[in-house]
Amino acid sequence: MSPKKNGPEPIAPAAPWVPVTIRDVAKVAGVSTGTVSNVLNRPDIVAESTRRRVLQAVESTGFIRNTQAHQLRGGRSQTVGVVVLDVANPFFTEMFRGAESRLQTEGYVLMLASTDGSVEREANFVRAMEEHRVEGVLITPAAAELGALAGLRTRGVPTVLLDRKATADEFCSVTVDDVRGGELAARHLFETGHLELAFVNGPSSVRQCRDRRQGVRKAVRSVSKTKKVEVTEVSVGALTVRHGEDVVERILAMSPRPTAVMCANDLLALGVLRGLASRGVRVPDDLAVTGYDDLIFGSMLSPALTSVRQPAFELGVAAAELLLDEVRNPDHRHREVRFEPELVVRTSSRP
């Protein structure tokens, strides 16, 4: 008799997981593999009772469809690529949500990438999305020119520009009239008695920054007919909270000191408000502040932030609609959908 071993009995290794195949589903449902394939890919041609039986078998067996194999056969996936400048910016997040809300109802899954304004990162993301056979691309281009996206057009990948106007008949686009938005914010400050403004703006390579500058200049030309006003532009490297906070020292050192600060977006405005608060400068008593985008946190600040509202969610929905039309409509023609901005006045700029 063999001696008894001490200690716990060894645990037998778990059996390796074996993926459920389409044949397994067919066997459980009592149909052919071709019928299962039709239910997954062309359910409209299968009788309802058979379709229900196959779907019940799919659920009971835990079958997971091989999307890669499906893409190889069909050439495209039910995936849409979304490329934005900065996913940390709530404006782009809300625009993504708008696109997702529309596309998910059509069975699409969205693949999101953030370039941080890098043309190189953008090229890498777009290439990866094409390798995944995306059905289309929604993109806020990082570069001033659109030449880097020419390959998408050449290869027939439906592409819609987010918050960026296309030139000629290259792509569909959804935009906001940022010239008008810049004018609204500047005129508001002029009309509330501020004659000397600091305009905190981002890089000139960003189209929105150029357009908002143009709007400010338009307001200056209009108001200058009746009163003397002055705007000093202060450029920063990026549209972030940190850059807004860092620029406060430069604003307070100006002579004469401006009585109001207009920021090119809400993140810059948040940074400016933080910088002013840390130096004991009261808003709006000592210095008025406005932002741009009307992000959700703006109304929660103290003081609440005056801002130019952009319909970010609606931009995303409109972009998705344009993409779906390009995918499905053989007579599709590229077009631009333009939204109008709205000034939302709150405590930060009130007299």
Protein backbone atom coordinates (compact mmCIF):
# COMPACT_ATOMS: atom_id res chain seq x y z
CA MET A 1 0.00 0.00 0.00
CA SER A 2 1.41 3.36 -1.00
CA PRO A 3 2.07 5.89 1.77
CA LYS A 4 -0.53 8.63 2.29
CA LYS A 5 0.60 12.06 1.07
CA ASN A 6 0.30 15.07 3.37
CA GLY A 7 -1.08 18.49 2.29
CA PRO A 8 -3.98 19.58 0.12
CA GLU A 9 -4.88 17.76 -3.02
CA PRO A 10 -3.58 19.50 -6.18
CA ILE A 11 -6.21 21.49 -8.08
CA ALA A 12 -6.77 20.24 -11.58
CA PRO A 13 -6.15 22.94 -14.23
CA ALA A 14 -9.28 24.43 -15.75
CA ALA A 15 -10.19 23.19 -19.16
CA PRO A 16 -9.12 25.63 -21.88
CA TRP A 17 -11.93 27.84 -23.21
CA VAL A 18 -13.17 26.71 -26.60
CA PRO A 19 -14.96 29.34 -28.69
CA VAL A 20 -18.49 28.59 -29.79
CA THR A 21 -18.73 28.29 -33.57
CA ILE A 22 -21.51 28.96 -36.01
CA ARG A 23 -21.84 25.16 -36.39
CA ASP A 24 -22.59 24.86 -32.66
CA VAL A 25 -25.34 27.46 -32.96
CA ALA A 26 -26.80 25.69 -36.00
CA LYS A 27 -26.84 22.36 -34.16
CA VAL A 28 -28.66 23.82 -31.14
CA ALA A 29 -31.16 25.68 -33.34
CA GLY A 30 -31.68 22.70 -35.63
CA VAL A 31 -30.90 24.66 -38.79
CA SER A 32 -28.07 24.87 -41.32
CA THR A 33 -25.01 27.06 -40.89
CA GLY A 34 -26.22 29.05 -43.89
CA THR A 35 -29.43 29.91 -42.06
CA VAL A 36 -27.46 31.09 -39.02
CA SER A 37 -25.31 33.23 -41.32
CA ASN A 38 -28.42 34.76 -42.87
CA VAL A 39 -29.88 35.60 -39.45
CA LEU A 40 -26.65 37.38 -38.51
CA ASN A 41 -26.12 39.20 -41.80
CA ARG A 42 -29.45 39.31 -43.66
CA PRO A 43 -32.19 38.75 -41.07
CA ASP A 44 -34.89 40.18 -43.33
CA ILE A 45 -34.82 37.09 -45.59
CA VAL A 46 -35.35 34.59 -42.73
CA ALA A 47 -38.76 33.60 -41.40
CA GLU A 48 -39.51 35.21 -38.04
CA SER A 49 -39.95 31.90 -36.18
CA THR A 50 -36.62 30.60 -37.49
CA ARG A 51 -34.91 33.90 -36.69
CA ARG A 52 -36.15 33.76 -33.09
CA ARG A 53 -34.95 30.15 -32.70
CA VAL A 54 -31.48 31.03 -34.01
CA LEU A 55 -31.19 34.11 -31.79
CA GLN A 56 -32.17 32.04 -28.76
CA ALA A 57 -29.43 29.54 -29.69
CA VAL A 58 -26.93 32.39 -30.02
CA GLU A 59 -27.81 33.59 -26.53
CA SER A 60 -27.83 30.15 -24.90
CA THR A 61 -24.48 29.11 -26.39
CA GLY A 62 -22.74 32.45 -25.77
CA PHE A 63 -21.77 32.73 -29.44
CA ILE A 64 -19.66 35.79 -30.30
CA ARG A 65 -19.57 36.85 -33.91
CA ASN A 66 -16.15 37.05 -35.60
CA THR A 67 -16.28 40.64 -36.82
CA GLN A 68 -12.83 40.49 -38.43
CA ALA A 69 -13.85 37.58 -40.64
CA HIS A 70 -17.06 39.39 -41.52
CA GLN A 71 -15.08 42.48 -42.50
CA LEU A 72 -12.78 40.45 -44.73
CA ARG A 73 -15.79 39.10 -46.60
CA GLY A 74 -17.76 42.34 -46.79
CA GLY A 75 -14.96 44.89 -47.02
CA ARG A 76 -16.42 47.21 -44.37
CA SER A 77 -17.34 47.07 -40.70
CA GLN A 78 -20.13 48.59 -38.64
CA THR A 79 -17.52 50.91 -37.13
CA VAL A 80 -17.08 54.66 -37.54
CA GLY A 81 -13.81 56.36 -36.61
CA VAL A 82 -13.96 59.68 -34.70
CA VAL A 83 -10.80 61.81 -34.48
CA VAL A 84 -10.86 64.97 -32.35
CA LEU A 85 -8.24 67.50 -31.23
CA ASP A 86 -8.56 66.97 -27.48
CA VAL A 87 -10.81 64.38 -25.86
CA ALA A 88 -10.18 66.06 -22.47
CA ASN A 89 -12.10 69.10 -23.74
CA PRO A 90 -15.80 68.61 -22.88
CA PHE A 91 -16.79 70.32 -26.14
CA PHE A 92 -15.36 67.43 -28.18
CA THR A 93 -16.75 64.87 -25.74
CA GLU A 94 -20.25 66.29 -26.16
CA MET A 95 -19.87 66.35 -29.95
CA PHE A 96 -18.82 62.68 -29.81
CA ARG A 97 -21.90 61.88 -27.71
CA GLY A 98 -24.13 63.50 -30.32
CA ALA A 99 -22.63 61.44 -33.13
CA GLU A 100 -22.82 58.27 -31.03
CA SER A 101 -26.48 58.84 -30.15
CA ARG A 102 -27.39 58.86 -33.84
CA LEU A 103 -25.06 56.15 -35.15
CA GLN A 104 -25.71 53.56 -32.45
CA THR A 105 -29.36 53.45 -33.49
CA GLU A 106 -28.12 52.22 -36.88
CA GLY A 107 -25.97 49.49 -35.33
CA TYR A 108 -22.63 51.31 -35.52
CA VAL A 109 -19.83 51.25 -32.97
CA LEU A 110 -17.58 54.32 -32.67
CA MET A 111 -13.79 54.26 -32.39
CA LEU A 112 -12.50 57.45 -30.69
CA ALA A 113 -9.00 58.97 -30.97
CA SER A 114 -7.51 62.24 -29.69
CA THR A 115 -4.66 63.89 -31.61
CA ASP A 116 -3.74 66.64 -29.12
CA GLY A 117 -3.33 68.82 -32.22
CA SER A 118 -0.56 66.60 -33.64
CA VAL A 119 -0.64 66.04 -37.41
CA GLU A 120 1.54 62.95 -36.97
CA ARG A 121 -0.80 61.40 -34.40
CA GLU A 122 -3.74 62.17 -36.66
CA ALA A 123 -2.10 60.36 -39.60
CA ASN A 124 -1.39 57.32 -37.43
CA PHE A 125 -4.95 57.15 -36.11
CA VAL A 126 -6.51 57.55 -39.55
CA ARG A 127 -4.27 54.81 -40.94
CA ALA A 128 -5.22 52.46 -38.10
CA MET A 129 -8.91 53.15 -38.64
CA GLU A 130 -8.63 52.40 -42.34
CA GLU A 131 -6.87 49.13 -41.49
CA HIS A 132 -9.91 48.26 -39.36
CA ARG A 133 -12.10 48.91 -42.42
CA VAL A 134 -14.15 51.65 -40.77
CA GLU A 135 -17.35 52.56 -42.58
CA GLY A 136 -16.47 56.26 -42.36
CA VAL A 137 -14.55 58.91 -40.43
CA LEU A 138 -15.66 61.97 -38.46
CA ILE A 139 -12.67 64.24 -37.87
CA THR A 140 -11.56 67.62 -36.58
CA PRO A 141 -8.34 68.07 -38.62
CA ALA A 142 -5.19 69.06 -36.75
CA ALA A 143 -3.59 70.91 -39.68
CA ALA A 144 -4.74 74.14 -41.31
CA GLU A 145 -4.69 72.44 -44.71
CA LEU A 146 -6.70 69.34 -45.58
CA GLY A 147 -4.12 67.69 -47.83
CA ALA A 148 -3.42 65.00 -45.23
CA LEU A 149 -7.00 63.75 -45.63
CA ALA A 150 -6.82 63.43 -49.40
CA GLY A 151 -6.12 59.70 -49.09
CA LEU A 152 -9.48 59.12 -47.42
CA ARG A 153 -11.26 60.78 -50.32
CA THR A 154 -9.18 58.91 -52.91
CA ARG A 155 -9.91 55.54 -51.29
CA GLY A 156 -13.62 56.28 -51.04
CA VAL A 157 -13.89 56.43 -47.25
CA PRO A 158 -16.86 58.69 -46.36
CA THR A 159 -15.48 61.55 -44.27
CA VAL A 160 -17.18 64.44 -42.45
CA LEU A 161 -15.29 67.36 -40.91
CA LEU A 162 -16.27 68.24 -37.35
CA ASP A 163 -16.31 71.95 -36.48
CA ARG A 164 -14.26 72.69 -39.59
CA LYS A 165 -15.37 74.05 -42.97
CA ALA A 166 -14.28 72.14 -46.07
CA THR A 167 -12.97 73.92 -49.13
CA ALA A 168 -14.62 73.47 -52.53
CA ASP A 169 -16.41 70.10 -52.75
CA GLU A 170 -13.95 67.92 -50.83
CA PHE A 171 -15.92 66.76 -47.79
CA CYS A 172 -19.12 67.28 -45.90
CA SER A 173 -18.73 69.45 -42.80
CA VAL A 174 -20.55 70.72 -39.72
CA THR A 175 -19.50 74.12 -38.38
CA VAL A 176 -20.42 76.99 -36.10
CA ASP A 177 -20.12 80.62 -37.24
CA ASP A 178 -17.15 81.47 -35.00
CA VAL A 179 -16.72 84.90 -36.56
CA ARG A 180 -20.20 85.73 -35.32
CA GLY A 181 -19.41 84.17 -31.94
CA GLY A 182 -16.28 86.28 -31.47
CA GLU A 183 -18.24 89.38 -32.44
CA LEU A 184 -21.03 88.58 -29.95
CA ALA A 185 -18.65 88.26 -27.00
CA ALA A 186 -16.64 91.40 -27.82
CA ARG A 187 -19.72 93.56 -28.49
CA HIS A 188 -21.24 92.43 -25.19
CA LEU A 189 -18.19 93.67 -23.29
CA PHE A 190 -18.08 96.94 -25.21
CA GLU A 191 -21.78 97.54 -24.61
CA THR A 192 -21.43 96.95 -20.85
CA GLY A 193 -18.87 99.76 -20.65
CA HIS A 194 -15.53 97.98 -21.14
CA LEU A 195 -13.35 99.97 -23.54
CA GLU A 196 -10.05 98.13 -23.01
CA LEU A 197 -10.07 94.36 -23.48
CA ALA A 198 -7.50 91.59 -23.30
CA PHE A 199 -8.30 88.81 -25.79
CA VAL A 200 -6.69 85.53 -24.71
CA ASN A 201 -6.43 83.47 -27.90
CA GLY A 202 -4.88 80.16 -28.93
CA PRO A 203 -2.53 79.30 -31.81
CA SER A 204 -3.26 80.88 -35.20
CA SER A 205 -2.97 77.42 -36.76
CA VAL A 206 -6.36 76.61 -35.19
CA ARG A 207 -9.18 77.75 -37.46
CA GLN A 208 -11.52 78.55 -34.58
CA CYS A 209 -8.94 80.91 -33.06
CA ARG A 210 -8.52 82.76 -36.36
CA ASP A 211 -12.27 83.11 -36.85
CA ARG A 212 -12.90 84.33 -33.29
CA ARG A 213 -10.14 86.91 -33.74
CA GLN A 214 -11.84 88.06 -36.93
CA GLY A 215 -15.10 88.43 -35.03
CA VAL A 216 -13.43 90.57 -32.36
CA ARG A 217 -11.97 92.85 -35.03
CA LYS A 218 -15.39 93.13 -36.66
CA ALA A 219 -16.88 94.26 -33.35
CA VAL A 220 -14.06 96.79 -32.87
CA ARG A 221 -14.70 98.32 -36.31
CA SER A 222 -18.40 98.63 -35.58
CA VAL A 223 -18.11 100.11 -32.08
CA SER A 224 -15.23 102.45 -33.02
CA LYS A 225 -17.70 104.60 -34.95
CA THR A 226 -19.13 105.90 -31.66
CA LYS A 227 -16.47 105.28 -28.99
CA LYS A 228 -12.76 104.59 -28.66
CA VAL A 229 -12.03 100.96 -27.80
CA GLU A 230 -8.84 98.94 -27.65
CA VAL A 231 -8.24 95.18 -27.72
CA THR A 232 -4.88 93.61 -26.92
CA GLU A 233 -4.52 90.01 -28.08
CA VAL A 234 -2.52 87.72 -25.79
CA SER A 235 -1.56 84.47 -27.54
CA VAL A 236 -1.03 81.19 -25.68
CA GLY A 237 0.29 77.84 -26.90
CA ALA A 238 -2.84 75.78 -26.28
CA LEU A 239 -6.48 76.17 -25.27
CA THR A 240 -6.10 74.65 -21.79
CA VAL A 241 -6.78 75.60 -18.17
CA ARG A 242 -3.06 75.74 -17.40
CA HIS A 243 -2.36 78.17 -20.23
CA GLY A 244 -5.22 80.35 -19.02
CA GLU A 245 -3.88 80.41 -15.49
CA ASP A 246 -0.33 81.15 -16.65
CA VAL A 247 -1.38 84.16 -18.75
CA VAL A 248 -2.94 86.09 -15.83
CA GLU A 249 0.37 87.66 -14.78
CA ARG A 250 0.82 89.11 -18.27
CA ILE A 251 -2.69 90.57 -18.24
CA LEU A 252 -2.31 92.22 -14.84
CA ALA A 253 1.03 93.72 -15.92
CA MET A 254 -0.53 95.55 -18.89
CA SER A 255 -0.60 99.33 -18.81
CA PRO A 256 -3.24 100.50 -18.84
CA ARG A 257 -4.78 97.41 -17.29
CA PRO A 258 -7.79 96.07 -19.25
CA THR A 259 -11.16 96.02 -17.51
CA ALA A 260 -12.28 92.79 -19.19
CA VAL A 261 -10.78 89.54 -20.47
CA MET A 262 -12.31 87.67 -23.40
CA CYS A 263 -11.10 84.07 -23.69
CA ALA A 264 -11.15 81.95 -26.86
CA ASN A 265 -12.67 79.01 -24.98
CA ASP A 266 -14.05 78.06 -21.57
CA LEU A 267 -10.97 76.11 -20.48
CA LEU A 268 -8.84 79.23 -20.87
CA ALA A 269 -11.50 81.23 -19.03
CA LEU A 270 -11.48 78.72 -16.14
CA GLY A 271 -7.70 79.10 -15.89
CA VAL A 272 -7.99 82.89 -15.94
CA LEU A 273 -10.61 82.83 -13.18
CA ARG A 274 -8.37 80.61 -11.04
CA GLY A 275 -5.37 82.84 -11.62
CA LEU A 276 -7.32 85.99 -10.77
CA ALA A 277 -8.80 84.42 -7.61
CA SER A 278 -5.34 83.41 -6.35
CA ARG A 279 -4.23 87.05 -6.70
CA GLY A 280 -7.25 88.53 -5.00
CA VAL A 281 -8.72 90.05 -8.17
CA ARG A 282 -12.52 90.09 -7.99
CA VAL A 283 -14.69 89.08 -10.93
CA PRO A 284 -16.61 90.98 -12.24
CA ASP A 285 -15.95 93.90 -9.84
CA ASP A 286 -12.28 94.36 -10.78
CA LEU A 287 -12.18 92.48 -14.08
CA ALA A 288 -14.92 90.98 -16.26
CA VAL A 289 -14.31 87.58 -17.91
CA THR A 290 -16.02 85.76 -20.79
CA GLY A 291 -15.44 82.32 -22.29
CA TYR A 292 -16.49 80.45 -25.40
CA ASP A 293 -18.25 77.04 -25.84
CA ASP A 294 -20.58 77.25 -22.82
CA LEU A 295 -19.35 73.99 -21.36
CA ILE A 296 -21.42 72.40 -18.62
CA PHE A 297 -19.18 73.60 -15.77
CA GLY A 298 -19.52 77.27 -16.76
CA SER A 299 -22.86 77.79 -15.03
CA MET A 300 -21.55 76.03 -11.89
CA LEU A 301 -18.60 78.35 -11.34
CA SER A 302 -18.61 81.22 -8.86
CA PRO A 303 -19.05 83.64 -10.46
CA ALA A 304 -20.98 81.85 -13.20
CA LEU A 305 -19.23 82.26 -16.55
CA THR A 306 -20.59 84.30 -19.45
CA SER A 307 -19.90 82.32 -22.61
CA VAL A 308 -20.75 81.85 -26.27
CA ARG A 309 -22.79 78.68 -26.60
CA GLN A 310 -21.99 76.17 -29.33
CA PRO A 311 -24.48 73.32 -29.89
CA ALA A 312 -21.83 70.60 -29.57
CA PHE A 313 -24.28 67.68 -29.24
CA GLU A 314 -26.26 68.86 -32.28
CA LEU A 315 -23.02 69.22 -34.25
CA GLY A 316 -22.31 65.54 -33.62
CA VAL A 317 -25.81 64.46 -34.62
CA ALA A 318 -25.65 66.51 -37.84
CA ALA A 319 -22.24 65.04 -38.71
CA ALA A 320 -23.61 61.51 -38.24
CA GLU A 321 -26.55 62.28 -40.52
CA LEU A 322 -24.21 63.54 -43.26
CA LEU A 323 -22.05 60.43 -42.93
CA LEU A 324 -25.02 58.07 -43.14
CA ASP A 325 -26.25 59.84 -46.27
CA GLU A 326 -22.84 59.52 -47.90
CA VAL A 327 -22.65 55.81 -47.01
CA ARG A 328 -26.12 54.96 -48.29
CA ASN A 329 -27.04 57.48 -50.97
CA PRO A 330 -25.41 56.98 -54.40
CA ASP A 331 -26.51 60.52 -55.34
CA HIS A 332 -24.94 62.08 -52.25
CA ARG A 333 -23.52 65.59 -52.64
CA HIS A 334 -21.13 67.14 -50.14
CA ARG A 335 -22.54 70.02 -48.14
CA GLU A 336 -21.94 72.12 -45.06
CA VAL A 337 -24.32 72.36 -42.10
CA ARG A 338 -23.69 75.60 -40.20
CA PHE A 339 -25.01 76.45 -36.74
CA GLU A 340 -25.36 79.90 -35.19
CA PRO A 341 -23.75 80.63 -31.79
CA GLU A 342 -25.61 82.21 -28.87
CA LEU A 343 -24.30 84.51 -26.15
CA VAL A 344 -25.21 83.37 -22.64
CA VAL A 345 -24.73 86.24 -20.15
CA ARG A 346 -23.97 85.34 -16.54
CA THR A 347 -22.39 86.98 -13.50
CA SER A 348 -18.75 87.03 -14.68
CA SER A 349 -19.36 89.91 -17.11
CA ARG A 350 -22.29 91.80 -15.63
CA PRO A 351 -21.70 95.49 -14.82
